[in-house]
Amino acid sequence: MQIEIGKKGRKLKILMINLPFSGHINPTLGLAKELVEQGCQVTYILAPEWKEKVILTGAQFVPYDNYPETLSSSQKEIKSWQAAYDTALRIGTDYDCIIYEILFFPGKGLADRLQKPSIRLFSTFALNKSVIDMFAKTGGLYMTSIFRFRLLYQVFSRAICKKFKLGTHDIVDEIVSNSPDLNYVYTVKRFQVLNSEFPDRSFKFIGPSITPRISTIEISFDEIKNPIIYISLGTLLNNSISFYKKCFTAFENEDVTVIMSIGNTISIEKLGQIPINFMVYPFVPQLDVLQHASLFITHGGMNSVNEAMYYGVPMLVVPMGNDQPTVANRIAELGIGKRMNRRKLSPESLKSAAFNILSNIKYKTTIETFKWDMINAGGNSLATYEIIDYIRNKNG
């Protein structure tokens, strides 16, 4: 049953904006789908390669303006901020509300410029200055490291804020101080770092985005008798052949079945001889695998971690960069898994940590409490109802 959402039956028009990073996009696709199913007219601005996935949600897809296909992947990512902003500025006056993910941090300033209400989504932890400082100190030489080098950060920050005509010269100040009324975070508050610093009236912790996904891989779980260890380093930092080979050595002679997802950056052939108890694919239906796994060896990407908690799977985390070390620390702190240092990782230490988690019931018992938190958090369905009510009240 649809909600009565517009004046005299008019559909609410919602504009969603994001940048071309899968970890920041995937949770929001479920929200787009639910908004469409509740009768909203949703338009999603994204890079061209995301067109098919956006259309599957029922939303209208609008590609970035001035985004040449001749650019390299890294160049496209750099250009995407400006391209997304320009596209939204061109069409945004025609919408009732703007929804943006935190990586597109100029979203609130853009909405203010267009005189539209806005809603912010967090695919990582909710952010304030203290959390951003955590990312900067532990994230390695990746995207978050810009916050660590003060002079470089100031130059970059001033240039970016000027480019987007923001009311500040500081990106962190823009993120923290110019916050929308509503912020939806794709985890539960108990997992959020420094969670007491995020008031319930404006930060809604809704758990993971669990939606059906199309996969060409079918795994016969009924035929697997051993405990399943699932290994995946996500989609961004997954090109470590040495890590995968350490996994081979660690588990090849053990009574476990290992399902490994390696992405499309490297070919399976480059891994050499694959042990008989390993099932290696470029991609797997992760939600299906997690429903059968006893342990998840992961890079600590926030979406994967939330999904593991949703299905009650303890984790062994080998963080690569960005927010992953902070996520890994939180997992270890809460007793739902362990963190390992990838630079000191050996087959022996990997095997020892994995079997310690598998044999110690406290990890499974502890993560079960988070499982029920996740299941009852509301997800995109709760967010959809609240967003529609918020826009309706804003528009009188």
Protein backbone atom coordinates (compact mmCIF):
# COMPACT_ATOMS: atom_id res chain seq x y z
CA MET A 1 0.00 0.00 0.00
CA GLN A 2 1.36 3.40 -0.99
CA ILE A 3 1.46 6.43 1.26
CA GLU A 4 -0.57 9.49 0.29
CA ILE A 5 2.37 11.72 -0.48
CA GLY A 6 1.60 14.73 -2.59
CA LYS A 7 -0.84 17.57 -2.88
CA LYS A 8 -3.91 16.46 -4.84
CA GLY A 9 -2.19 13.20 -5.78
CA ARG A 10 0.96 14.82 -7.21
CA LYS A 11 4.00 12.62 -6.94
CA LEU A 12 6.85 13.91 -4.86
CA LYS A 13 9.93 14.52 -6.99
CA ILE A 14 13.17 13.48 -5.33
CA LEU A 15 16.67 14.06 -6.70
CA MET A 16 19.43 11.71 -5.52
CA ILE A 17 23.13 12.51 -6.08
CA ASN A 18 26.17 10.32 -5.61
CA LEU A 19 29.76 9.73 -6.72
CA PRO A 20 31.02 6.64 -8.61
CA PHE A 21 32.26 4.56 -5.67
CA SER A 22 30.34 1.31 -5.23
CA GLY A 23 30.52 1.26 -1.42
CA HIS A 24 28.82 4.65 -1.32
CA ILE A 25 26.23 3.80 -4.00
CA ASN A 26 25.03 0.26 -3.29
CA PRO A 27 23.15 0.96 -0.02
CA THR A 28 21.32 3.90 -1.59
CA LEU A 29 19.94 1.90 -4.52
CA GLY A 30 17.60 0.11 -2.13
CA LEU A 31 16.35 3.47 -0.88
CA ALA A 32 15.71 4.66 -4.44
CA LYS A 33 13.72 1.48 -5.12
CA GLU A 34 11.58 1.84 -1.99
CA LEU A 35 10.85 5.50 -2.69
CA VAL A 36 9.71 4.59 -6.22
CA GLU A 37 7.53 1.78 -4.88
CA GLN A 38 5.86 4.27 -2.53
CA GLY A 39 4.89 6.48 -5.45
CA CYS A 40 7.72 9.00 -5.57
CA GLN A 41 9.30 10.15 -8.80
CA VAL A 42 13.02 9.59 -8.20
CA THR A 43 15.85 10.84 -10.39
CA TYR A 44 19.39 9.62 -9.69
CA ILE A 45 22.47 11.53 -10.91
CA LEU A 46 25.46 9.21 -11.34
CA ALA A 47 28.32 8.22 -13.62
CA PRO A 48 27.26 6.51 -16.90
CA GLU A 49 28.46 3.04 -15.89
CA TRP A 50 25.78 2.92 -13.17
CA LYS A 51 22.86 3.44 -15.54
CA GLU A 52 21.64 -0.18 -15.60
CA LYS A 53 21.65 -0.59 -11.83
CA VAL A 54 19.82 2.70 -11.29
CA ILE A 55 17.16 1.86 -13.86
CA LEU A 56 16.53 -1.48 -12.13
CA THR A 57 15.37 0.47 -9.05
CA GLY A 58 12.67 2.19 -11.11
CA ALA A 59 14.35 5.58 -10.80
CA GLN A 60 15.15 7.81 -13.75
CA PHE A 61 18.86 7.87 -14.51
CA VAL A 62 20.65 11.13 -15.37
CA PRO A 63 24.36 10.88 -16.29
CA TYR A 64 26.84 13.52 -15.22
CA ASP A 65 27.17 16.53 -17.51
CA ASN A 66 30.58 17.09 -19.14
CA TYR A 67 31.98 13.71 -18.16
CA PRO A 68 34.01 12.45 -21.17
CA GLU A 69 34.34 8.70 -21.65
CA THR A 70 37.97 9.19 -22.67
CA LEU A 71 39.00 9.92 -19.07
CA SER A 72 40.83 7.24 -17.09
CA SER A 73 39.11 5.73 -14.05
CA SER A 74 41.09 7.90 -11.62
CA GLN A 75 40.46 11.04 -13.68
CA LYS A 76 36.73 10.29 -13.76
CA GLU A 77 36.64 9.98 -9.99
CA ILE A 78 38.33 13.36 -9.60
CA LYS A 79 36.03 14.98 -12.16
CA SER A 80 32.89 13.45 -10.68
CA TRP A 81 32.47 15.99 -7.86
CA GLN A 82 32.22 18.92 -10.25
CA ALA A 83 30.23 16.99 -12.84
CA ALA A 84 27.68 15.83 -10.27
CA TYR A 85 27.37 19.33 -8.85
CA ASP A 86 26.90 20.96 -12.27
CA THR A 87 24.28 18.40 -13.29
CA ALA A 88 22.29 18.83 -10.09
CA LEU A 89 22.50 22.61 -10.34
CA ARG A 90 21.08 22.43 -13.87
CA ILE A 91 18.04 20.28 -13.05
CA GLY A 92 17.63 20.64 -9.28
CA THR A 93 15.06 23.44 -9.21
CA ASP A 94 12.43 20.98 -10.44
CA TYR A 95 12.51 18.77 -7.34
CA ASP A 96 10.92 18.71 -3.90
CA CYS A 97 13.99 17.41 -2.08
CA ILE A 98 17.65 16.51 -2.63
CA ILE A 99 19.13 13.34 -1.13
CA TYR A 100 22.90 12.94 -1.23
CA GLU A 101 25.51 10.56 0.16
CA ILE A 102 28.21 12.01 2.41
CA LEU A 103 31.02 11.57 -0.14
CA PHE A 104 29.26 14.26 -2.19
CA PHE A 105 29.80 16.66 0.71
CA PRO A 106 28.71 19.84 -1.18
CA GLY A 107 25.16 18.42 -1.24
CA LYS A 108 23.79 20.60 1.56
CA GLY A 109 25.36 23.74 0.11
CA LEU A 110 23.90 22.87 -3.29
CA ALA A 111 20.45 22.30 -1.80
CA ASP A 112 20.66 25.62 0.07
CA ARG A 113 21.60 27.36 -3.17
CA LEU A 114 18.57 25.79 -4.87
CA GLN A 115 16.40 26.54 -1.81
CA LYS A 116 15.46 22.89 -1.43
CA PRO A 117 15.29 20.69 1.68
CA SER A 118 18.02 18.05 1.79
CA ILE A 119 18.68 14.68 3.41
CA ARG A 120 22.11 13.11 3.89
CA LEU A 121 23.05 9.43 3.77
CA PHE A 122 26.09 7.85 5.43
CA SER A 123 27.41 4.58 3.99
CA THR A 124 30.21 4.77 6.56
CA PHE A 125 30.12 5.92 10.19
CA ALA A 126 28.30 9.17 10.87
CA LEU A 127 30.92 11.91 10.85
CA ASN A 128 31.92 14.72 13.15
CA LYS A 129 35.35 16.25 13.68
CA SER A 130 36.46 13.54 16.10
CA VAL A 131 35.48 10.70 13.77
CA ILE A 132 37.16 12.41 10.81
CA ASP A 133 40.33 12.73 12.92
CA MET A 134 40.15 8.97 13.57
CA PHE A 135 39.99 8.30 9.83
CA ALA A 136 42.90 10.64 9.16
CA LYS A 137 45.18 9.02 11.73
CA THR A 138 44.54 5.41 10.76
CA GLY A 139 43.46 5.41 7.11
CA GLY A 140 46.86 5.09 5.39
CA LEU A 141 47.73 6.90 2.17
CA TYR A 142 44.24 6.75 0.72
CA MET A 143 41.39 9.20 0.30
CA THR A 144 41.13 10.09 3.99
CA SER A 145 44.84 10.93 4.33
CA ILE A 146 44.23 14.45 2.99
CA PHE A 147 42.92 15.37 6.48
CA ARG A 148 46.24 14.39 8.05
CA PHE A 149 48.51 16.86 6.22
CA ARG A 150 47.40 20.23 7.51
CA LEU A 151 48.92 22.58 4.92
CA LEU A 152 47.91 20.40 1.99
CA TYR A 153 44.44 20.05 3.47
CA GLN A 154 44.02 23.82 3.89
CA VAL A 155 45.01 24.53 0.27
CA PHE A 156 42.77 21.75 -1.05
CA SER A 157 39.89 22.67 1.24
CA ARG A 158 39.88 26.36 0.30
CA ALA A 159 39.99 25.54 -3.41
CA ILE A 160 37.13 23.03 -3.18
CA CYS A 161 34.92 25.22 -1.02
CA LYS A 162 35.45 28.15 -3.39
CA LYS A 163 34.68 25.99 -6.41
CA PHE A 164 31.35 24.91 -4.95
CA LYS A 165 30.52 28.35 -3.52
CA LEU A 166 30.17 26.97 0.01
CA GLY A 167 29.71 29.24 3.01
CA THR A 168 32.99 28.15 4.58
CA HIS A 169 36.65 27.61 3.66
CA ASP A 170 36.88 24.27 5.43
CA ILE A 171 35.53 20.91 4.25
CA VAL A 172 35.27 19.49 7.77
CA ASP A 173 33.36 22.55 8.94
CA GLU A 174 31.01 22.15 5.97
CA ILE A 175 30.39 18.48 6.81
CA VAL A 176 29.92 19.04 10.54
CA SER A 177 28.27 22.46 10.82
CA ASN A 178 26.13 22.59 7.68
CA SER A 179 24.18 19.43 8.44
CA PRO A 180 20.68 18.65 7.14
CA ASP A 181 17.79 18.08 9.54
CA LEU A 182 17.76 14.38 8.65
CA ASN A 183 20.78 12.09 8.35
CA TYR A 184 20.42 8.35 7.73
CA VAL A 185 23.31 6.07 8.72
CA TYR A 186 23.55 2.53 7.34
CA THR A 187 24.51 0.86 10.61
CA VAL A 188 23.13 0.62 14.14
CA LYS A 189 23.93 3.17 16.81
CA ARG A 190 25.63 0.59 19.03
CA PHE A 191 28.25 0.03 16.33
CA GLN A 192 28.77 3.75 15.64
CA VAL A 193 32.01 5.14 17.10
CA LEU A 194 31.49 7.99 19.59
CA ASN A 195 27.78 7.30 19.29
CA SER A 196 26.75 9.59 22.16
CA GLU A 197 27.84 12.58 20.05
CA PHE A 198 25.11 12.00 17.44
CA PRO A 199 21.63 13.10 18.61
CA ASP A 200 18.69 10.84 17.76
CA ARG A 201 16.57 13.72 16.50
CA SER A 202 18.81 14.23 13.45
CA PHE A 203 20.86 11.01 13.08
CA LYS A 204 18.82 7.92 12.29
CA PHE A 205 20.68 4.61 12.45
CA ILE A 206 18.75 2.27 10.17
CA GLY A 207 21.04 -0.74 9.75
CA PRO A 208 22.24 -2.15 6.42
CA SER A 209 20.56 -1.95 3.04
CA ILE A 210 19.52 -5.57 2.45
CA THR A 211 17.98 -5.85 -1.01
CA PRO A 212 17.93 -8.69 -3.58
CA ARG A 213 20.87 -8.62 -6.00
CA ILE A 214 21.29 -10.23 -9.37
CA SER A 215 24.10 -12.77 -9.61
CA THR A 216 25.14 -15.25 -12.29
CA ILE A 217 26.95 -17.41 -9.72
CA GLU A 218 25.03 -20.25 -8.09
CA ILE A 219 26.60 -22.08 -5.15
CA SER A 220 25.18 -25.41 -3.94
CA PHE A 221 25.40 -24.78 -0.22
CA ASP A 222 23.56 -28.04 0.60
CA GLU A 223 26.50 -29.97 -0.78
CA ILE A 224 29.06 -28.17 1.43
CA LYS A 225 29.55 -30.13 4.66
CA ASN A 226 32.48 -28.27 6.21
CA PRO A 227 32.29 -24.87 7.95
CA ILE A 228 32.45 -22.09 5.36
CA ILE A 229 35.05 -19.33 5.53
CA TYR A 230 34.16 -16.47 3.22
CA ILE A 231 36.97 -14.19 2.02
CA SER A 232 36.50 -10.89 0.20
CA LEU A 233 38.44 -7.63 0.03
CA GLY A 234 35.59 -5.68 -1.54
CA THR A 235 35.70 -3.79 -4.83
CA LEU A 236 38.25 -1.00 -4.37
CA LEU A 237 41.42 -2.39 -2.75
CA ASN A 238 41.18 -6.03 -3.74
CA ASN A 239 44.25 -6.57 -5.96
CA SER A 240 46.54 -8.32 -3.46
CA ILE A 241 47.66 -11.60 -5.04
CA SER A 242 50.02 -12.20 -2.11
CA PHE A 243 47.11 -12.02 0.35
CA TYR A 244 45.08 -14.57 -1.60
CA LYS A 245 48.05 -16.94 -1.76
CA LYS A 246 48.57 -16.64 1.99
CA CYS A 247 44.94 -17.71 2.37
CA PHE A 248 45.64 -20.76 0.18
CA THR A 249 48.56 -21.78 2.39
CA ALA A 250 46.63 -21.11 5.61
CA PHE A 251 43.56 -23.23 4.84
CA GLU A 252 44.44 -25.71 2.06
CA ASN A 253 44.80 -28.72 4.36
CA GLU A 254 42.04 -27.82 6.82
CA ASP A 255 38.50 -29.16 7.22
CA VAL A 256 36.89 -25.97 5.97
CA THR A 257 35.44 -24.83 2.66
CA VAL A 258 36.69 -21.42 1.56
CA ILE A 259 34.61 -19.27 -0.76
CA MET A 260 36.77 -16.46 -2.11
CA SER A 261 35.71 -13.39 -4.11
CA ILE A 262 38.64 -11.60 -5.82
CA GLY A 263 36.91 -8.95 -7.98
CA ASN A 264 37.81 -8.23 -11.59
CA THR A 265 41.14 -6.44 -11.05
CA ILE A 266 43.14 -9.65 -11.25
CA SER A 267 42.37 -12.88 -13.11
CA ILE A 268 41.89 -16.21 -11.36
CA GLU A 269 44.68 -17.66 -13.52
CA LYS A 270 47.23 -15.38 -11.86
CA LEU A 271 46.60 -17.11 -8.53
CA GLY A 272 48.18 -20.34 -9.74
CA GLN A 273 47.12 -23.70 -8.32
CA ILE A 274 43.92 -23.36 -6.30
CA PRO A 275 43.48 -25.80 -3.36
CA ILE A 276 40.68 -28.34 -3.71
CA ASN A 277 38.72 -26.92 -0.74
CA PHE A 278 38.63 -23.40 -2.26
CA MET A 279 35.89 -21.97 -4.49
CA VAL A 280 37.24 -18.83 -6.18
CA TYR A 281 35.13 -16.39 -8.21
CA PRO A 282 35.44 -12.79 -9.42
CA PHE A 283 32.18 -12.02 -7.62
CA VAL A 284 29.73 -14.00 -5.48
CA PRO A 285 26.19 -13.40 -4.19
CA GLN A 286 27.50 -12.03 -0.90
CA LEU A 287 24.22 -12.04 1.00
CA ASP A 288 23.65 -15.70 0.13
CA VAL A 289 27.19 -16.63 1.16
CA LEU A 290 26.94 -14.78 4.48
CA GLN A 291 23.79 -16.70 5.35
CA HIS A 292 25.87 -19.91 5.30
CA ALA A 293 29.30 -18.67 6.47
CA SER A 294 30.85 -19.35 9.87
CA LEU A 295 33.58 -16.72 9.45
CA PHE A 296 34.08 -13.71 7.19
CA ILE A 297 37.64 -12.61 6.39
CA THR A 298 37.17 -9.05 5.13
CA HIS A 299 38.90 -5.75 4.43
CA GLY A 300 36.45 -4.03 6.77
CA GLY A 301 34.37 -2.12 4.25
CA MET A 302 31.37 -0.73 6.10
CA ASN A 303 28.71 -2.30 3.86
CA SER A 304 30.25 -5.77 4.09
CA VAL A 305 30.66 -5.47 7.86
CA ASN A 306 27.05 -4.37 8.34
CA GLU A 307 25.86 -7.29 6.20
CA ALA A 308 27.96 -9.72 8.22
CA MET A 309 26.44 -8.39 11.46
CA TYR A 310 22.96 -8.68 9.92
CA TYR A 311 23.56 -12.39 9.34
CA GLY A 312 25.47 -12.95 12.58
CA VAL A 313 28.85 -13.83 11.06
CA PRO A 314 31.99 -13.09 13.15
CA MET A 315 34.81 -11.36 11.28
CA LEU A 316 38.54 -11.41 10.86
CA VAL A 317 39.40 -7.97 9.51
CA VAL A 318 42.47 -7.09 7.44
CA PRO A 319 41.96 -3.35 6.79
CA MET A 320 43.55 -1.69 3.77
CA GLY A 321 42.80 2.03 4.21
CA ASN A 322 40.23 4.84 4.42
CA ASP A 323 37.64 4.10 7.14
CA GLN A 324 38.54 0.39 7.31
CA PRO A 325 41.06 0.59 10.22
CA THR A 326 38.48 2.45 12.31
CA VAL A 327 35.85 -0.15 11.43
CA ALA A 328 38.30 -2.96 12.28
CA ASN A 329 39.13 -1.39 15.64
CA ARG A 330 35.44 -1.15 16.46
CA ILE A 331 34.87 -4.81 15.60
CA ALA A 332 37.71 -5.89 17.89
CA GLU A 333 36.58 -3.51 20.66
CA LEU A 334 33.04 -4.91 20.65
CA GLY A 335 34.18 -8.54 20.58
CA ILE A 336 32.56 -9.53 17.28
CA GLY A 337 35.84 -10.34 15.56
CA LYS A 338 39.56 -9.67 15.38
CA ARG A 339 41.77 -7.19 13.56
CA MET A 340 44.99 -8.19 11.80
CA ASN A 341 47.84 -6.09 10.42
CA ARG A 342 48.16 -6.84 6.70
CA ARG A 343 51.88 -5.93 6.70
CA LYS A 344 52.60 -8.56 9.36
CA LEU A 345 50.18 -11.15 8.05
CA SER A 346 51.46 -14.70 7.53
CA PRO A 347 49.63 -17.93 6.69
CA GLU A 348 50.29 -19.13 10.22
CA SER A 349 48.93 -16.02 11.94
CA LEU A 350 45.94 -15.98 9.60
CA LYS A 351 45.08 -19.61 10.34
CA SER A 352 45.58 -19.18 14.08
CA ALA A 353 43.29 -16.13 14.27
CA ALA A 354 40.63 -17.72 12.07
CA PHE A 355 40.41 -20.93 14.09
CA ASN A 356 40.46 -19.00 17.35
CA ILE A 357 37.29 -17.21 16.24
CA LEU A 358 35.69 -20.41 14.92
CA SER A 359 36.35 -22.30 18.15
CA ASN A 360 35.43 -19.55 20.61
CA ILE A 361 31.67 -19.36 21.08
CA LYS A 362 31.85 -15.85 22.57
CA TYR A 363 32.30 -14.29 19.12
CA LYS A 364 29.17 -15.94 17.73
CA THR A 365 27.19 -15.19 20.89
CA THR A 366 28.20 -11.52 20.91
CA ILE A 367 27.50 -10.91 17.25
CA GLU A 368 24.04 -12.47 17.60
CA THR A 369 23.02 -9.47 19.73
CA PHE A 370 24.10 -7.15 16.89
CA LYS A 371 22.22 -9.34 14.42
CA TRP A 372 18.92 -8.60 16.12
CA ASP A 373 19.77 -4.90 16.35
CA MET A 374 20.40 -4.89 12.62
CA ILE A 375 17.25 -6.81 11.73
CA ASN A 376 15.08 -4.49 13.82
CA ALA A 377 16.72 -1.20 12.77
CA GLY A 378 14.21 -0.49 10.00
CA GLY A 379 16.49 -0.18 6.98
CA ASN A 380 15.46 1.64 3.83
CA SER A 381 11.78 0.93 4.50
CA LEU A 382 11.82 3.04 7.66
CA ALA A 383 13.85 5.74 5.96
CA THR A 384 11.38 5.88 3.07
CA TYR A 385 8.37 6.50 5.30
CA GLU A 386 10.18 9.15 7.32
CA ILE A 387 11.59 10.89 4.24
CA ILE A 388 8.18 11.11 2.59
CA ASP A 389 6.65 12.50 5.79
CA TYR A 390 9.51 15.01 6.12
CA ILE A 391 9.15 16.30 2.56
CA ARG A 392 5.39 16.50 2.84
CA ASN A 393 5.69 18.62 6.01
CA LYS A 394 8.35 20.84 4.43
CA ASN A 395 6.14 21.48 1.43
CA GLY A 396 3.11 22.23 3.58
